[in-house]
Amino acid sequence: MRTAILLLALAHSALAMELHIQFGALERMLTEQVFTQEGRRYVHGSKSAKCNFAYLEKPQVRSDGGLLRIKARFTGRSALNVAGQCVGLGDAFDVVVTAIPNYRDGALGLQQVKVASEGKTGYYIRKVCESMQASLTKDFKYPLEDQARRILEDPAAQPGYKREVRKLTVPEIRVTNDALVLQVDFELTVK
């Protein structure tokens, strides 16, 4: 009976729903799903590369005048191993990424990305920020449609009813003072 009432309520509800992902939850999601290597996200090389690596850690998500603002700690080195010593450039500093979140091809991405260091300058830092800006614009994608399907179609939630998500779209995304807000449209078919 509860399922029938829920289905009737869903049938009479508006076509779109708003999903508010508060920044604390967004930070935990990033840490669990993106910063997966001991709390780090390697953007170049790996943990085993002693002289040639780059990673981000400790993400903090906020709003910045309607933009998504992600602050993280960058540590990197671009050097050669000469007789067991790393010779070359390297540094550690805080980076601030500002961007407009967008939805395309089933994934959340970032557009109009700007990356800057917080309080430090120099040749290496400028090159790192330029590289990260291009990389985040092109490579950052969160599989929102796949995650929504996994959650909404989970057979364990209602074992007697198969569900199927269709026509999932996100026509609007905005950044408020405390959350990333997604307007989500989809069809849910219960079989």
N, C-alpha and C. Protein backbone atom coordinates (compact mmCIF):
# COMPACT_ATOMS: atom_id res chain seq x y z
N MET A 1 0.82 -1.19 0.00
CA MET A 1 0.00 0.00 0.00
C MET A 1 0.86 1.26 0.00
N ARG A 2 1.93 1.25 0.81
CA ARG A 2 2.81 2.42 0.86
C ARG A 2 3.42 2.71 -0.51
N THR A 3 3.78 1.63 -1.23
CA THR A 3 4.37 1.80 -2.56
C THR A 3 3.37 2.47 -3.50
N ALA A 4 2.10 2.05 -3.45
CA ALA A 4 1.08 2.64 -4.32
C ALA A 4 0.90 4.13 -4.01
N ILE A 5 0.89 4.49 -2.73
CA ILE A 5 0.75 5.89 -2.35
C ILE A 5 1.95 6.69 -2.84
N LEU A 6 3.15 6.14 -2.68
CA LEU A 6 4.36 6.80 -3.15
C LEU A 6 4.30 7.00 -4.66
N LEU A 7 3.88 5.99 -5.39
CA LEU A 7 3.79 6.10 -6.85
C LEU A 7 2.78 7.16 -7.26
N LEU A 8 1.64 7.23 -6.58
CA LEU A 8 0.65 8.27 -6.88
C LEU A 8 1.21 9.66 -6.59
N ALA A 9 1.91 9.78 -5.49
CA ALA A 9 2.52 11.08 -5.16
C ALA A 9 3.54 11.48 -6.21
N LEU A 10 4.35 10.54 -6.65
CA LEU A 10 5.33 10.84 -7.69
C LEU A 10 4.66 11.21 -9.00
N ALA A 11 3.57 10.54 -9.32
CA ALA A 11 2.87 10.80 -10.58
C ALA A 11 2.28 12.20 -10.61
N HIS A 12 1.88 12.72 -9.44
CA HIS A 12 1.27 14.04 -9.39
C HIS A 12 2.27 15.15 -9.11
N SER A 13 3.51 14.81 -8.89
CA SER A 13 4.51 15.84 -8.59
C SER A 13 4.97 16.53 -9.87
N ALA A 14 5.68 17.62 -9.69
CA ALA A 14 6.20 18.35 -10.85
C ALA A 14 7.18 17.48 -11.62
N LEU A 15 7.39 17.82 -12.87
CA LEU A 15 8.28 17.05 -13.70
C LEU A 15 9.74 17.14 -13.24
N ALA A 16 10.11 18.26 -12.66
CA ALA A 16 11.50 18.44 -12.25
C ALA A 16 11.59 18.41 -10.73
N MET A 17 12.76 17.98 -10.27
CA MET A 17 13.03 18.05 -8.84
C MET A 17 14.36 18.75 -8.66
N GLU A 18 14.53 19.34 -7.49
CA GLU A 18 15.80 19.98 -7.19
C GLU A 18 16.59 19.10 -6.25
N LEU A 19 17.83 18.91 -6.59
CA LEU A 19 18.76 18.15 -5.77
C LEU A 19 19.77 19.14 -5.21
N HIS A 20 19.77 19.30 -3.88
CA HIS A 20 20.72 20.19 -3.21
C HIS A 20 21.82 19.34 -2.62
N ILE A 21 23.04 19.53 -3.09
CA ILE A 21 24.19 18.81 -2.54
C ILE A 21 25.00 19.82 -1.75
N GLN A 22 24.87 19.77 -0.44
CA GLN A 22 25.58 20.72 0.40
C GLN A 22 27.08 20.50 0.28
N PHE A 23 27.84 21.59 0.48
CA PHE A 23 29.27 21.54 0.23
C PHE A 23 30.01 20.50 1.08
N GLY A 24 29.59 20.29 2.32
CA GLY A 24 30.21 19.25 3.14
C GLY A 24 30.05 17.88 2.51
N ALA A 25 28.86 17.59 2.00
CA ALA A 25 28.62 16.31 1.32
C ALA A 25 29.42 16.24 0.03
N LEU A 26 29.49 17.35 -0.69
CA LEU A 26 30.25 17.38 -1.94
C LEU A 26 31.74 17.12 -1.67
N GLU A 27 32.27 17.68 -0.60
CA GLU A 27 33.67 17.41 -0.22
C GLU A 27 33.87 15.93 0.07
N ARG A 28 32.93 15.31 0.82
CA ARG A 28 33.05 13.88 1.11
C ARG A 28 32.96 13.04 -0.16
N MET A 29 32.05 13.44 -1.08
CA MET A 29 31.93 12.71 -2.34
C MET A 29 33.23 12.79 -3.14
N LEU A 30 33.81 14.00 -3.22
CA LEU A 30 35.07 14.16 -3.93
C LEU A 30 36.16 13.31 -3.31
N THR A 31 36.25 13.32 -1.98
CA THR A 31 37.27 12.55 -1.28
C THR A 31 37.09 11.06 -1.54
N GLU A 32 35.85 10.57 -1.47
CA GLU A 32 35.59 9.14 -1.65
C GLU A 32 35.73 8.68 -3.09
N GLN A 33 35.37 9.53 -4.06
CA GLN A 33 35.30 9.07 -5.43
C GLN A 33 36.37 9.64 -6.36
N VAL A 34 37.02 10.73 -5.97
CA VAL A 34 38.03 11.33 -6.84
C VAL A 34 39.41 11.31 -6.18
N PHE A 35 39.46 11.62 -4.89
CA PHE A 35 40.73 11.65 -4.15
C PHE A 35 40.93 10.29 -3.49
N THR A 36 41.09 9.26 -4.29
CA THR A 36 41.01 7.88 -3.82
C THR A 36 42.34 7.25 -3.41
N GLN A 37 43.44 7.91 -3.63
CA GLN A 37 44.75 7.32 -3.31
C GLN A 37 45.28 7.97 -2.03
N GLU A 38 44.86 7.40 -0.89
CA GLU A 38 45.24 7.92 0.43
C GLU A 38 44.86 9.40 0.56
N GLY A 39 43.68 9.75 0.07
CA GLY A 39 43.20 11.13 0.15
C GLY A 39 43.79 12.05 -0.91
N ARG A 40 44.47 11.46 -1.87
CA ARG A 40 45.10 12.25 -2.93
C ARG A 40 44.50 11.91 -4.28
N ARG A 41 44.62 12.88 -5.18
CA ARG A 41 44.26 12.67 -6.59
C ARG A 41 45.50 13.01 -7.41
N TYR A 42 46.14 11.96 -7.95
CA TYR A 42 47.33 12.19 -8.78
C TYR A 42 46.89 12.73 -10.12
N VAL A 43 47.42 13.89 -10.49
CA VAL A 43 47.11 14.50 -11.77
C VAL A 43 48.25 14.28 -12.75
N HIS A 44 49.38 13.76 -12.25
CA HIS A 44 50.52 13.39 -13.08
C HIS A 44 51.36 12.39 -12.30
N GLY A 45 51.80 11.34 -12.98
CA GLY A 45 52.63 10.34 -12.32
C GLY A 45 51.83 9.55 -11.29
N SER A 46 52.57 8.98 -10.31
CA SER A 46 51.94 8.16 -9.28
C SER A 46 52.77 8.23 -8.00
N LYS A 47 52.27 7.56 -6.98
CA LYS A 47 52.94 7.54 -5.69
C LYS A 47 54.37 6.99 -5.79
N SER A 48 54.58 6.07 -6.70
CA SER A 48 55.90 5.44 -6.84
C SER A 48 56.91 6.29 -7.62
N ALA A 49 56.45 7.33 -8.30
CA ALA A 49 57.35 8.19 -9.07
C ALA A 49 57.98 9.22 -8.13
N LYS A 50 59.21 9.01 -7.78
CA LYS A 50 59.87 9.86 -6.77
C LYS A 50 60.14 11.28 -7.27
N CYS A 51 60.48 11.43 -8.54
CA CYS A 51 60.92 12.74 -9.04
C CYS A 51 59.96 13.39 -10.03
N ASN A 52 58.91 12.69 -10.44
CA ASN A 52 58.03 13.23 -11.47
C ASN A 52 56.58 12.88 -11.14
N PHE A 53 55.92 13.73 -10.37
CA PHE A 53 54.56 13.48 -9.92
C PHE A 53 53.87 14.80 -9.60
N ALA A 54 52.57 14.73 -9.49
CA ALA A 54 51.78 15.87 -9.04
C ALA A 54 50.45 15.34 -8.51
N TYR A 55 50.05 15.86 -7.37
CA TYR A 55 48.77 15.44 -6.81
C TYR A 55 48.09 16.59 -6.07
N LEU A 56 46.78 16.42 -5.92
CA LEU A 56 45.95 17.34 -5.14
C LEU A 56 45.44 16.58 -3.92
N GLU A 57 45.22 17.30 -2.82
CA GLU A 57 44.65 16.69 -1.62
C GLU A 57 43.89 17.75 -0.83
N LYS A 58 43.11 17.30 0.14
CA LYS A 58 42.36 18.15 1.05
C LYS A 58 41.44 19.15 0.35
N PRO A 59 40.50 18.65 -0.47
CA PRO A 59 39.59 19.58 -1.16
C PRO A 59 38.62 20.27 -0.20
N GLN A 60 38.39 21.54 -0.44
CA GLN A 60 37.39 22.32 0.28
C GLN A 60 36.51 22.99 -0.77
N VAL A 61 35.21 22.79 -0.66
CA VAL A 61 34.27 23.30 -1.67
C VAL A 61 33.44 24.42 -1.06
N ARG A 62 33.31 25.51 -1.81
CA ARG A 62 32.54 26.67 -1.38
C ARG A 62 31.91 27.32 -2.61
N SER A 63 31.22 28.41 -2.35
CA SER A 63 30.64 29.25 -3.40
C SER A 63 31.49 30.50 -3.53
N ASP A 64 31.56 31.02 -4.75
CA ASP A 64 32.30 32.26 -4.99
C ASP A 64 31.52 33.07 -6.01
N GLY A 65 30.54 33.83 -5.55
CA GLY A 65 29.75 34.67 -6.44
C GLY A 65 29.03 33.89 -7.53
N GLY A 66 28.42 32.77 -7.17
CA GLY A 66 27.70 31.95 -8.15
C GLY A 66 28.57 30.92 -8.86
N LEU A 67 29.86 30.94 -8.59
CA LEU A 67 30.77 29.94 -9.15
C LEU A 67 31.07 28.88 -8.09
N LEU A 68 31.43 27.70 -8.54
CA LEU A 68 31.91 26.66 -7.64
C LEU A 68 33.38 26.95 -7.37
N ARG A 69 33.77 26.94 -6.10
CA ARG A 69 35.15 27.23 -5.70
C ARG A 69 35.70 26.02 -4.96
N ILE A 70 36.77 25.44 -5.50
CA ILE A 70 37.41 24.30 -4.88
C ILE A 70 38.85 24.68 -4.53
N LYS A 71 39.15 24.62 -3.26
CA LYS A 71 40.51 24.88 -2.80
C LYS A 71 41.13 23.53 -2.45
N ALA A 72 42.36 23.31 -2.89
CA ALA A 72 43.05 22.05 -2.59
C ALA A 72 44.54 22.32 -2.44
N ARG A 73 45.22 21.40 -1.83
CA ARG A 73 46.67 21.48 -1.67
C ARG A 73 47.31 20.74 -2.84
N PHE A 74 48.19 21.44 -3.57
CA PHE A 74 48.93 20.84 -4.69
C PHE A 74 50.36 20.55 -4.23
N THR A 75 50.84 19.38 -4.56
CA THR A 75 52.24 19.02 -4.34
C THR A 75 52.73 18.39 -5.63
N GLY A 76 53.86 18.86 -6.14
CA GLY A 76 54.35 18.29 -7.39
C GLY A 76 55.84 18.49 -7.56
N ARG A 77 56.37 17.68 -8.46
CA ARG A 77 57.78 17.76 -8.79
C ARG A 77 57.95 17.33 -10.24
N SER A 78 58.76 18.08 -10.96
CA SER A 78 59.11 17.75 -12.34
C SER A 78 60.62 17.79 -12.40
N ALA A 79 61.23 16.65 -12.15
CA ALA A 79 62.68 16.60 -12.00
C ALA A 79 63.24 15.31 -12.60
N LEU A 80 64.54 15.25 -12.71
CA LEU A 80 65.24 14.06 -13.17
C LEU A 80 65.92 13.41 -11.98
N ASN A 81 66.00 12.10 -12.01
CA ASN A 81 66.71 11.37 -10.98
C ASN A 81 68.18 11.27 -11.40
N VAL A 82 69.03 12.02 -10.72
CA VAL A 82 70.47 12.03 -11.01
C VAL A 82 71.19 11.48 -9.80
N ALA A 83 71.71 10.28 -9.96
CA ALA A 83 72.45 9.60 -8.89
C ALA A 83 71.63 9.52 -7.60
N GLY A 84 70.36 9.20 -7.74
CA GLY A 84 69.50 9.05 -6.57
C GLY A 84 68.93 10.34 -6.02
N GLN A 85 69.24 11.47 -6.63
CA GLN A 85 68.73 12.76 -6.19
C GLN A 85 67.83 13.36 -7.27
N CYS A 86 66.75 13.99 -6.86
CA CYS A 86 65.85 14.64 -7.81
C CYS A 86 66.38 16.05 -8.11
N VAL A 87 66.65 16.30 -9.40
CA VAL A 87 67.16 17.60 -9.82
C VAL A 87 66.13 18.22 -10.76
N GLY A 88 65.54 19.35 -10.34
CA GLY A 88 64.53 20.00 -11.16
C GLY A 88 63.59 20.83 -10.30
N LEU A 89 62.42 21.10 -10.86
CA LEU A 89 61.44 21.97 -10.21
C LEU A 89 60.45 21.19 -9.37
N GLY A 90 59.94 21.83 -8.34
CA GLY A 90 58.92 21.24 -7.50
C GLY A 90 58.45 22.24 -6.48
N ASP A 91 57.25 22.02 -5.95
CA ASP A 91 56.72 22.94 -4.96
C ASP A 91 55.44 22.35 -4.37
N ALA A 92 54.99 22.95 -3.30
CA ALA A 92 53.70 22.62 -2.68
C ALA A 92 53.02 23.94 -2.36
N PHE A 93 51.76 24.05 -2.73
CA PHE A 93 51.02 25.29 -2.51
C PHE A 93 49.53 25.02 -2.62
N ASP A 94 48.73 25.96 -2.11
CA ASP A 94 47.28 25.86 -2.23
C ASP A 94 46.84 26.42 -3.58
N VAL A 95 45.96 25.69 -4.25
CA VAL A 95 45.37 26.16 -5.50
C VAL A 95 43.88 26.41 -5.28
N VAL A 96 43.36 27.37 -6.00
CA VAL A 96 41.94 27.67 -5.96
C VAL A 96 41.41 27.53 -7.38
N VAL A 97 40.43 26.66 -7.52
CA VAL A 97 39.77 26.41 -8.80
C VAL A 97 38.39 27.02 -8.73
N THR A 98 38.06 27.90 -9.67
CA THR A 98 36.70 28.40 -9.78
C THR A 98 36.17 27.96 -11.14
N ALA A 99 34.89 27.60 -11.18
CA ALA A 99 34.32 27.10 -12.43
C ALA A 99 32.80 27.17 -12.37
N ILE A 100 32.21 27.04 -13.53
CA ILE A 100 30.76 26.91 -13.66
C ILE A 100 30.49 25.43 -13.91
N PRO A 101 29.72 24.77 -13.04
CA PRO A 101 29.39 23.37 -13.29
C PRO A 101 28.39 23.25 -14.44
N ASN A 102 28.54 22.19 -15.24
CA ASN A 102 27.60 21.96 -16.34
C ASN A 102 27.29 20.47 -16.43
N TYR A 103 26.25 20.14 -17.19
CA TYR A 103 25.83 18.76 -17.39
C TYR A 103 25.84 18.47 -18.88
N ARG A 104 26.57 17.41 -19.25
CA ARG A 104 26.64 17.03 -20.66
C ARG A 104 26.96 15.55 -20.77
N ASP A 105 26.27 14.88 -21.66
CA ASP A 105 26.50 13.47 -21.93
C ASP A 105 26.46 12.60 -20.68
N GLY A 106 25.51 12.90 -19.78
CA GLY A 106 25.32 12.08 -18.59
C GLY A 106 26.26 12.38 -17.44
N ALA A 107 27.09 13.41 -17.58
CA ALA A 107 28.08 13.68 -16.53
C ALA A 107 28.10 15.16 -16.16
N LEU A 108 28.43 15.42 -14.89
CA LEU A 108 28.71 16.78 -14.45
C LEU A 108 30.13 17.11 -14.84
N GLY A 109 30.33 18.29 -15.37
CA GLY A 109 31.66 18.74 -15.74
C GLY A 109 31.86 20.17 -15.30
N LEU A 110 32.96 20.75 -15.72
CA LEU A 110 33.29 22.12 -15.37
C LEU A 110 33.58 22.91 -16.64
N GLN A 111 33.13 24.15 -16.67
CA GLN A 111 33.44 25.05 -17.78
C GLN A 111 33.90 26.38 -17.22
N GLN A 112 34.54 27.18 -18.05
CA GLN A 112 35.11 28.46 -17.65
C GLN A 112 35.96 28.31 -16.39
N VAL A 113 36.82 27.30 -16.41
CA VAL A 113 37.67 26.96 -15.27
C VAL A 113 38.82 27.96 -15.16
N LYS A 114 39.05 28.43 -13.95
CA LYS A 114 40.20 29.29 -13.64
C LYS A 114 40.94 28.63 -12.48
N VAL A 115 42.25 28.53 -12.60
CA VAL A 115 43.07 27.95 -11.53
C VAL A 115 44.16 28.94 -11.19
N ALA A 116 44.30 29.22 -9.90
CA ALA A 116 45.33 30.15 -9.43
C ALA A 116 45.89 29.65 -8.11
N SER A 117 47.11 30.03 -7.83
CA SER A 117 47.67 29.69 -6.52
C SER A 117 47.18 30.71 -5.51
N GLU A 118 47.19 30.30 -4.29
CA GLU A 118 46.76 31.21 -3.24
C GLU A 118 48.00 31.67 -2.48
N GLY A 119 48.50 32.85 -2.86
CA GLY A 119 49.60 33.45 -2.12
C GLY A 119 51.00 33.20 -2.63
N LYS A 120 51.19 32.36 -3.66
CA LYS A 120 52.53 32.10 -4.17
C LYS A 120 52.56 32.35 -5.68
N THR A 121 53.71 32.75 -6.17
CA THR A 121 53.89 32.93 -7.61
C THR A 121 55.23 32.32 -8.01
N GLY A 122 55.44 32.23 -9.30
CA GLY A 122 56.68 31.71 -9.84
C GLY A 122 56.41 30.96 -11.14
N TYR A 123 57.47 30.67 -11.87
CA TYR A 123 57.36 30.01 -13.16
C TYR A 123 56.67 28.65 -13.03
N TYR A 124 57.12 27.81 -12.12
CA TYR A 124 56.56 26.46 -11.95
C TYR A 124 55.08 26.55 -11.58
N ILE A 125 54.75 27.44 -10.67
CA ILE A 125 53.37 27.60 -10.21
C ILE A 125 52.47 28.04 -11.36
N ARG A 126 52.92 29.00 -12.17
CA ARG A 126 52.12 29.44 -13.32
C ARG A 126 51.89 28.30 -14.30
N LYS A 127 52.92 27.51 -14.58
CA LYS A 127 52.78 26.39 -15.51
C LYS A 127 51.82 25.32 -14.97
N VAL A 128 51.91 25.05 -13.66
CA VAL A 128 51.01 24.08 -13.04
C VAL A 128 49.57 24.56 -13.16
N CYS A 129 49.31 25.82 -12.85
CA CYS A 129 47.94 26.36 -12.92
C CYS A 129 47.39 26.33 -14.34
N GLU A 130 48.22 26.69 -15.32
CA GLU A 130 47.79 26.63 -16.72
C GLU A 130 47.43 25.20 -17.13
N SER A 131 48.27 24.26 -16.74
CA SER A 131 48.04 22.86 -17.09
C SER A 131 46.77 22.32 -16.41
N MET A 132 46.60 22.64 -15.13
CA MET A 132 45.41 22.17 -14.42
C MET A 132 44.14 22.78 -15.00
N GLN A 133 44.19 24.03 -15.38
CA GLN A 133 43.03 24.69 -15.96
C GLN A 133 42.57 23.97 -17.22
N ALA A 134 43.50 23.65 -18.10
CA ALA A 134 43.16 22.94 -19.34
C ALA A 134 42.67 21.52 -19.02
N SER A 135 43.33 20.85 -18.10
CA SER A 135 42.98 19.48 -17.76
C SER A 135 41.60 19.37 -17.12
N LEU A 136 41.30 20.23 -16.16
CA LEU A 136 40.01 20.17 -15.49
C LEU A 136 38.86 20.48 -16.43
N THR A 137 39.06 21.41 -17.34
CA THR A 137 38.03 21.74 -18.32
C THR A 137 37.72 20.53 -19.19
N LYS A 138 38.75 19.82 -19.59
CA LYS A 138 38.61 18.70 -20.52
C LYS A 138 38.30 17.38 -19.83
N ASP A 139 38.94 17.09 -18.71
CA ASP A 139 38.91 15.75 -18.14
C ASP A 139 37.99 15.53 -16.94
N PHE A 140 37.61 16.59 -16.22
CA PHE A 140 36.80 16.37 -15.02
C PHE A 140 35.38 16.03 -15.41
N LYS A 141 34.94 14.83 -15.00
CA LYS A 141 33.57 14.40 -15.27
C LYS A 141 33.11 13.52 -14.11
N TYR A 142 31.94 13.85 -13.57
CA TYR A 142 31.33 13.03 -12.53
C TYR A 142 30.12 12.34 -13.16
N PRO A 143 30.08 11.00 -13.16
CA PRO A 143 29.02 10.26 -13.86
C PRO A 143 27.66 10.33 -13.16
N LEU A 144 27.02 11.48 -13.22
CA LEU A 144 25.76 11.70 -12.50
C LEU A 144 24.66 10.75 -12.96
N GLU A 145 24.51 10.57 -14.27
CA GLU A 145 23.44 9.70 -14.76
C GLU A 145 23.65 8.26 -14.29
N ASP A 146 24.86 7.76 -14.35
CA ASP A 146 25.15 6.40 -13.88
C ASP A 146 24.86 6.25 -12.40
N GLN A 147 25.25 7.25 -11.60
CA GLN A 147 25.00 7.21 -10.16
C GLN A 147 23.51 7.26 -9.86
N ALA A 148 22.78 8.10 -10.57
CA ALA A 148 21.33 8.20 -10.36
C ALA A 148 20.64 6.88 -10.71
N ARG A 149 21.05 6.28 -11.81
CA ARG A 149 20.49 4.98 -12.19
C ARG A 149 20.76 3.93 -11.12
N ARG A 150 21.99 3.90 -10.65
CA ARG A 150 22.37 2.91 -9.63
C ARG A 150 21.49 3.05 -8.39
N ILE A 151 21.26 4.28 -7.96
CA ILE A 151 20.47 4.52 -6.74
C ILE A 151 18.99 4.26 -6.98
N LEU A 152 18.43 4.83 -8.05
CA LEU A 152 16.99 4.74 -8.29
C LEU A 152 16.53 3.37 -8.78
N GLU A 153 17.43 2.63 -9.42
CA GLU A 153 17.06 1.32 -9.94
C GLU A 153 17.50 0.18 -9.02
N ASP A 154 18.03 0.49 -7.85
CA ASP A 154 18.54 -0.52 -6.92
C ASP A 154 17.44 -1.53 -6.57
N PRO A 155 17.62 -2.81 -6.94
CA PRO A 155 16.58 -3.80 -6.67
C PRO A 155 16.40 -4.09 -5.17
N ALA A 156 17.37 -3.80 -4.35
CA ALA A 156 17.24 -4.06 -2.92
C ALA A 156 16.26 -3.10 -2.24
N ALA A 157 16.07 -1.91 -2.80
CA ALA A 157 15.17 -0.93 -2.19
C ALA A 157 13.72 -1.39 -2.22
N GLN A 158 13.26 -1.94 -3.30
CA GLN A 158 11.90 -2.49 -3.46
C GLN A 158 12.03 -3.78 -4.26
N PRO A 159 12.32 -4.89 -3.59
CA PRO A 159 12.62 -6.13 -4.31
C PRO A 159 11.54 -6.61 -5.28
N GLY A 160 10.28 -6.32 -5.04
CA GLY A 160 9.21 -6.81 -5.90
C GLY A 160 8.95 -5.96 -7.13
N TYR A 161 9.65 -4.84 -7.28
CA TYR A 161 9.37 -3.91 -8.36
C TYR A 161 10.66 -3.51 -9.07
N LYS A 162 10.73 -3.84 -10.33
CA LYS A 162 11.87 -3.40 -11.13
C LYS A 162 11.62 -1.95 -11.56
N ARG A 163 12.65 -1.13 -11.50
CA ARG A 163 12.54 0.27 -11.88
C ARG A 163 13.54 0.58 -12.99
N GLU A 164 13.14 1.54 -13.83
CA GLU A 164 14.02 1.96 -14.91
C GLU A 164 13.95 3.49 -15.05
N VAL A 165 15.13 4.11 -15.06
CA VAL A 165 15.23 5.55 -15.23
C VAL A 165 15.41 5.84 -16.71
N ARG A 166 14.62 6.78 -17.22
CA ARG A 166 14.72 7.19 -18.63
C ARG A 166 14.75 8.70 -18.73
N LYS A 167 15.32 9.19 -19.80
CA LYS A 167 15.31 10.61 -20.16
C LYS A 167 15.81 11.52 -19.05
N LEU A 168 16.90 11.16 -18.41
CA LEU A 168 17.45 11.99 -17.35
C LEU A 168 18.16 13.20 -17.96
N THR A 169 17.74 14.37 -17.54
CA THR A 169 18.38 15.62 -17.99
C THR A 169 18.57 16.53 -16.78
N VAL A 170 19.48 17.45 -16.91
CA VAL A 170 19.73 18.46 -15.89
C VAL A 170 19.70 19.81 -16.59
N PRO A 171 18.50 20.43 -16.69
CA PRO A 171 18.39 21.68 -17.44
C PRO A 171 18.98 22.90 -16.73
N GLU A 172 19.20 22.80 -15.42
CA GLU A 172 19.74 23.96 -14.71
C GLU A 172 20.63 23.51 -13.55
N ILE A 173 21.75 24.19 -13.41
CA ILE A 173 22.65 23.99 -12.26
C ILE A 173 22.99 25.37 -11.74
N ARG A 174 22.93 25.51 -10.42
CA ARG A 174 23.35 26.78 -9.84
C ARG A 174 24.10 26.51 -8.54
N VAL A 175 24.92 27.48 -8.17
CA VAL A 175 25.71 27.39 -6.95
C VAL A 175 25.15 28.42 -5.98
N THR A 176 24.66 27.95 -4.83
CA THR A 176 24.14 28.86 -3.81
C THR A 176 25.22 29.04 -2.74
N ASN A 177 24.88 29.73 -1.67
CA ASN A 177 25.86 29.98 -0.61
C ASN A 177 26.30 28.71 0.12
N ASP A 178 25.45 27.66 0.10
CA ASP A 178 25.80 26.46 0.86
C ASP A 178 25.69 25.15 0.09
N ALA A 179 25.33 25.21 -1.21
CA ALA A 179 25.10 23.95 -1.92
C ALA A 179 25.23 24.11 -3.44
N LEU A 180 25.45 22.99 -4.07
CA LEU A 180 25.34 22.86 -5.52
C LEU A 180 23.91 22.38 -5.76
N VAL A 181 23.14 23.12 -6.55
CA VAL A 181 21.72 22.81 -6.76
C VAL A 181 21.52 22.41 -8.21
N LEU A 182 20.97 21.20 -8.38
CA LEU A 182 20.71 20.66 -9.71
C LEU A 182 19.21 20.50 -9.89
N GLN A 183 18.69 21.03 -10.98
CA GLN A 183 17.31 20.74 -11.35
C GLN A 183 17.39 19.49 -12.22
N VAL A 184 16.71 18.43 -11.79
CA VAL A 184 16.81 17.15 -12.46
C VAL A 184 15.45 16.73 -12.99
N ASP A 185 15.39 16.36 -14.26
CA ASP A 185 14.17 15.82 -14.89
C ASP A 185 14.47 14.38 -15.28
N PHE A 186 13.53 13.49 -15.01
CA PHE A 186 13.68 12.12 -15.47
C PHE A 186 12.34 11.41 -15.40
N GLU A 187 12.28 10.29 -16.09
CA GLU A 187 11.11 9.40 -16.00
C GLU A 187 11.55 8.18 -15.23
N LEU A 188 10.69 7.73 -14.31
CA LEU A 188 10.95 6.51 -13.57
C LEU A 188 9.82 5.55 -13.87
N THR A 189 10.14 4.45 -14.51
CA THR A 189 9.15 3.44 -14.85
C THR A 189 9.25 2.29 -13.86
N VAL A 190 8.13 1.94 -13.25
CA VAL A 190 8.08 0.82 -12.30
C VAL A 190 7.39 -0.33 -13.01
N LYS A 191 8.05 -1.49 -13.00
CA LYS A 191 7.51 -2.67 -13.71
C LYS A 191 7.09 -3.75 -12.73
